[in-house]
Amino acid sequence: MHDSDDIITIEGIELPESLLELQQASKDHDDALQYGYCMPSQVCSATGSI
């Protein structure tokens, strides 16, 4: 059904020299660090929605 679809992970949306605005915003908030398990999926979902 989706055999030819691309799969993009959190590593695949990074910029070579800097963080995406979404990644930087989550890094700037002290409480975001405790969400290391779910934060990558939230950044991927948000990036896909934009």
PDB file of N, CA and C in Angstrom:
ATOM      1  N   MET A   1       0.810  -1.186   0.000  1.00  0.00           N
ATOM      2  CA  MET A   1       0.000   0.000   0.000  1.00  0.00           C
ATOM      3  C   MET A   1       0.863   1.263   0.000  1.00  0.00           C
ATOM      4  N   HIS A   2       1.906   1.272   0.810  1.00  0.00           N
ATOM      5  CA  HIS A   2       2.803   2.423   0.880  1.00  0.00           C
ATOM      6  C   HIS A   2       4.241   2.001   0.600  1.00  0.00           C
ATOM      7  N   ASP A   3       4.417   1.045  -0.273  1.00  0.00           N
ATOM      8  CA  ASP A   3       5.749   0.505  -0.524  1.00  0.00           C
ATOM      9  C   ASP A   3       6.742   1.537  -1.036  1.00  0.00           C
ATOM     10  N   SER A   4       6.305   2.499  -1.813  1.00  0.00           N
ATOM     11  CA  SER A   4       7.238   3.470  -2.382  1.00  0.00           C
ATOM     12  C   SER A   4       7.298   4.783  -1.603  1.00  0.00           C
ATOM     13  N   ASP A   5       6.611   4.861  -0.468  1.00  0.00           N
ATOM     14  CA  ASP A   5       6.622   6.087   0.339  1.00  0.00           C
ATOM     15  C   ASP A   5       7.944   6.239   1.079  1.00  0.00           C
ATOM     16  N   ASP A   6       8.359   7.483   1.236  1.00  0.00           N
ATOM     17  CA  ASP A   6       9.560   7.781   2.010  1.00  0.00           C
ATOM     18  C   ASP A   6       9.217   7.818   3.488  1.00  0.00           C
ATOM     19  N   ILE A   7      10.144   7.343   4.306  1.00  0.00           N
ATOM     20  CA  ILE A   7      10.012   7.426   5.757  1.00  0.00           C
ATOM     21  C   ILE A   7      11.098   8.367   6.245  1.00  0.00           C
ATOM     22  N   ILE A   8      10.692   9.423   6.933  1.00  0.00           N
ATOM     23  CA  ILE A   8      11.649  10.406   7.433  1.00  0.00           C
ATOM     24  C   ILE A   8      11.644  10.351   8.950  1.00  0.00           C
ATOM     25  N   THR A   9      12.803  10.121   9.522  1.00  0.00           N
ATOM     26  CA  THR A   9      12.955  10.069  10.973  1.00  0.00           C
ATOM     27  C   THR A   9      13.453  11.419  11.481  1.00  0.00           C
ATOM     28  N   ILE A  10      13.578  11.563  12.775  1.00  0.00           N
ATOM     29  CA  ILE A  10      14.061  12.813  13.359  1.00  0.00           C
ATOM     30  C   ILE A  10      15.459  13.137  12.839  1.00  0.00           C
ATOM     31  N   GLU A  11      16.270  12.129  12.583  1.00  0.00           N
ATOM     32  CA  GLU A  11      17.614  12.362  12.052  1.00  0.00           C
ATOM     33  C   GLU A  11      17.561  12.870  10.621  1.00  0.00           C
ATOM     34  N   GLY A  12      16.516  12.513   9.894  1.00  0.00           N
ATOM     35  CA  GLY A  12      16.397  12.908   8.497  1.00  0.00           C
ATOM     36  C   GLY A  12      15.914  14.322   8.277  1.00  0.00           C
ATOM     37  N   ILE A  13      15.388  14.974   9.324  1.00  0.00           N
ATOM     38  CA  ILE A  13      14.908  16.335   9.145  1.00  0.00           C
ATOM     39  C   ILE A  13      15.842  17.371   9.734  1.00  0.00           C
ATOM     40  N   GLU A  14      16.996  16.935  10.202  1.00  0.00           N
ATOM     41  CA  GLU A  14      17.934  17.891  10.777  1.00  0.00           C
ATOM     42  C   GLU A  14      18.636  18.680   9.679  1.00  0.00           C
ATOM     43  N   LEU A  15      19.060  19.853  10.026  1.00  0.00           N
ATOM     44  CA  LEU A  15      19.858  20.669   9.123  1.00  0.00           C
ATOM     45  C   LEU A  15      21.325  20.428   9.444  1.00  0.00           C
ATOM     46  N   PRO A  16      22.192  20.462   8.443  1.00  0.00           N
ATOM     47  CA  PRO A  16      23.612  20.137   8.690  1.00  0.00           C
ATOM     48  C   PRO A  16      24.298  21.046   9.707  1.00  0.00           C
ATOM     49  N   GLU A  17      23.982  22.319   9.716  1.00  0.00           N
ATOM     50  CA  GLU A  17      24.709  23.270  10.559  1.00  0.00           C
ATOM     51  C   GLU A  17      23.937  23.748  11.774  1.00  0.00           C
ATOM     52  N   SER A  18      22.624  23.505  11.835  1.00  0.00           N
ATOM     53  CA  SER A  18      21.836  24.046  12.930  1.00  0.00           C
ATOM     54  C   SER A  18      20.594  23.193  13.165  1.00  0.00           C
ATOM     55  N   LEU A  19      19.855  23.552  14.190  1.00  0.00           N
ATOM     56  CA  LEU A  19      18.605  22.864  14.491  1.00  0.00           C
ATOM     57  C   LEU A  19      17.450  23.513  13.740  1.00  0.00           C
ATOM     58  N   LEU A  20      16.416  22.739  13.474  1.00  0.00           N
ATOM     59  CA  LEU A  20      15.187  23.315  12.946  1.00  0.00           C
ATOM     60  C   LEU A  20      14.579  24.223  14.001  1.00  0.00           C
ATOM     61  N   GLU A  21      13.748  25.149  13.589  1.00  0.00           N
ATOM     62  CA  GLU A  21      13.128  26.053  14.550  1.00  0.00           C
ATOM     63  C   GLU A  21      12.352  25.281  15.611  1.00  0.00           C
ATOM     64  N   LEU A  22      11.657  24.218  15.224  1.00  0.00           N
ATOM     65  CA  LEU A  22      10.917  23.405  16.186  1.00  0.00           C
ATOM     66  C   LEU A  22      11.850  22.732  17.185  1.00  0.00           C
ATOM     67  N   GLN A  23      12.976  22.227  16.701  1.00  0.00           N
ATOM     68  CA  GLN A  23      13.941  21.587  17.588  1.00  0.00           C
ATOM     69  C   GLN A  23      14.562  22.607  18.537  1.00  0.00           C
ATOM     70  N   GLN A  24      14.892  23.789  18.030  1.00  0.00           N
ATOM     71  CA  GLN A  24      15.488  24.816  18.874  1.00  0.00           C
ATOM     72  C   GLN A  24      14.498  25.283  19.936  1.00  0.00           C
ATOM     73  N   ALA A  25      13.232  25.434  19.554  1.00  0.00           N
ATOM     74  CA  ALA A  25      12.218  25.873  20.513  1.00  0.00           C
ATOM     75  C   ALA A  25      12.058  24.858  21.635  1.00  0.00           C
ATOM     76  N   SER A  26      12.079  23.575  21.302  1.00  0.00           N
ATOM     77  CA  SER A  26      11.946  22.564  22.352  1.00  0.00           C
ATOM     78  C   SER A  26      13.192  22.509  23.219  1.00  0.00           C
ATOM     79  N   LYS A  27      14.346  22.767  22.631  1.00  0.00           N
ATOM     80  CA  LYS A  27      15.596  22.788  23.402  1.00  0.00           C
ATOM     81  C   LYS A  27      15.645  23.986  24.350  1.00  0.00           C
ATOM     82  N   ASP A  28      15.066  25.113  23.931  1.00  0.00           N
ATOM     83  CA  ASP A  28      15.104  26.336  24.726  1.00  0.00           C
ATOM     84  C   ASP A  28      14.261  26.253  25.995  1.00  0.00           C
ATOM     85  N   HIS A  29      13.314  25.342  26.030  1.00  0.00           N
ATOM     86  CA  HIS A  29      12.467  25.193  27.208  1.00  0.00           C
ATOM     87  C   HIS A  29      13.061  24.121  28.116  1.00  0.00           C
ATOM     88  N   ASP A  30      13.357  24.488  29.343  1.00  0.00           N
ATOM     89  CA  ASP A  30      14.013  23.575  30.276  1.00  0.00           C
ATOM     90  C   ASP A  30      13.229  22.281  30.470  1.00  0.00           C
ATOM     91  N   ASP A  31      11.915  22.361  30.508  1.00  0.00           N
ATOM     92  CA  ASP A  31      11.121  21.167  30.771  1.00  0.00           C
ATOM     93  C   ASP A  31      11.022  20.236  29.567  1.00  0.00           C
ATOM     94  N   ALA A  32      11.426  20.689  28.393  1.00  0.00           N
ATOM     95  CA  ALA A  32      11.344  19.850  27.203  1.00  0.00           C
ATOM     96  C   ALA A  32      12.364  18.709  27.244  1.00  0.00           C
ATOM     97  N   LEU A  33      13.447  18.881  27.990  1.00  0.00           N
ATOM     98  CA  LEU A  33      14.486  17.853  28.020  1.00  0.00           C
ATOM     99  C   LEU A  33      14.006  16.553  28.644  1.00  0.00           C
ATOM    100  N   GLN A  34      13.036  16.618  29.530  1.00  0.00           N
ATOM    101  CA  GLN A  34      12.557  15.393  30.153  1.00  0.00           C
ATOM    102  C   GLN A  34      11.700  14.566  29.202  1.00  0.00           C
ATOM    103  N   TYR A  35      11.351  15.128  28.068  1.00  0.00           N
ATOM    104  CA  TYR A  35      10.510  14.415  27.115  1.00  0.00           C
ATOM    105  C   TYR A  35      11.328  13.868  25.963  1.00  0.00           C
ATOM    106  N   GLY A  36      12.506  13.404  26.222  1.00  0.00           N
ATOM    107  CA  GLY A  36      13.385  12.888  25.183  1.00  0.00           C
ATOM    108  C   GLY A  36      12.840  11.690  24.434  1.00  0.00           C
ATOM    109  N   TYR A  37      11.951  10.952  25.065  1.00  0.00           N
ATOM    110  CA  TYR A  37      11.397   9.768  24.425  1.00  0.00           C
ATOM    111  C   TYR A  37      10.353  10.130  23.375  1.00  0.00           C
ATOM    112  N   CYS A  38       9.475  11.077  23.691  1.00  0.00           N
ATOM    113  CA  CYS A  38       8.379  11.400  22.772  1.00  0.00           C
ATOM    114  C   CYS A  38       8.638  12.661  21.957  1.00  0.00           C
ATOM    115  N   MET A  39       9.616  13.462  22.326  1.00  0.00           N
ATOM    116  CA  MET A  39       9.861  14.715  21.615  1.00  0.00           C
ATOM    117  C   MET A  39      10.204  14.504  20.139  1.00  0.00           C
ATOM    118  N   PRO A  40      11.035  13.514  19.769  1.00  0.00           N
ATOM    119  CA  PRO A  40      11.309  13.328  18.337  1.00  0.00           C
ATOM    120  C   PRO A  40      10.050  13.085  17.515  1.00  0.00           C
ATOM    121  N   SER A  41       9.128  12.293  18.033  1.00  0.00           N
ATOM    122  CA  SER A  41       7.899  12.038  17.268  1.00  0.00           C
ATOM    123  C   SER A  41       7.039  13.285  17.199  1.00  0.00           C
ATOM    124  N   GLN A  42       7.054  14.105  18.238  1.00  0.00           N
ATOM    125  CA  GLN A  42       6.287  15.345  18.210  1.00  0.00           C
ATOM    126  C   GLN A  42       6.887  16.328  17.185  1.00  0.00           C
ATOM    127  N   VAL A  43       8.200  16.406  17.115  1.00  0.00           N
ATOM    128  CA  VAL A  43       8.844  17.282  16.134  1.00  0.00           C
ATOM    129  C   VAL A  43       8.555  16.771  14.727  1.00  0.00           C
ATOM    130  N   CYS A  44       8.632  15.465  14.502  1.00  0.00           N
ATOM    131  CA  CYS A  44       8.333  14.901  13.181  1.00  0.00           C
ATOM    132  C   CYS A  44       6.884  15.180  12.787  1.00  0.00           C
ATOM    133  N   SER A  45       5.964  14.989  13.707  1.00  0.00           N
ATOM    134  CA  SER A  45       4.555  15.234  13.421  1.00  0.00           C
ATOM    135  C   SER A  45       4.299  16.703  13.122  1.00  0.00           C
ATOM    136  N   ALA A  46       4.884  17.574  13.921  1.00  0.00           N
ATOM    137  CA  ALA A  46       4.696  19.005  13.706  1.00  0.00           C
ATOM    138  C   ALA A  46       5.309  19.452  12.381  1.00  0.00           C
ATOM    139  N   THR A  47       6.489  18.923  12.057  1.00  0.00           N
ATOM    140  CA  THR A  47       7.144  19.268  10.802  1.00  0.00           C
ATOM    141  C   THR A  47       6.296  18.809   9.611  1.00  0.00           C
ATOM    142  N   GLY A  48       5.719  17.631   9.725  1.00  0.00           N
ATOM    143  CA  GLY A  48       4.855  17.129   8.657  1.00  0.00           C
ATOM    144  C   GLY A  48       3.581  17.919   8.505  1.00  0.00           C
ATOM    145  N   SER A  49       3.141  18.551   9.577  1.00  0.00           N
ATOM    146  CA  SER A  49       1.908  19.326   9.540  1.00  0.00           C
ATOM    147  C   SER A  49       2.102  20.722   8.976  1.00  0.00           C
ATOM    148  N   ILE A  50       3.343  21.197   9.018  1.00  0.00           N
ATOM    149  CA  ILE A  50       3.612  22.570   8.579  1.00  0.00           C
ATOM    150  C   ILE A  50       3.746  22.631   7.059  1.00  0.00           C
TER     151      ILE A  50
END
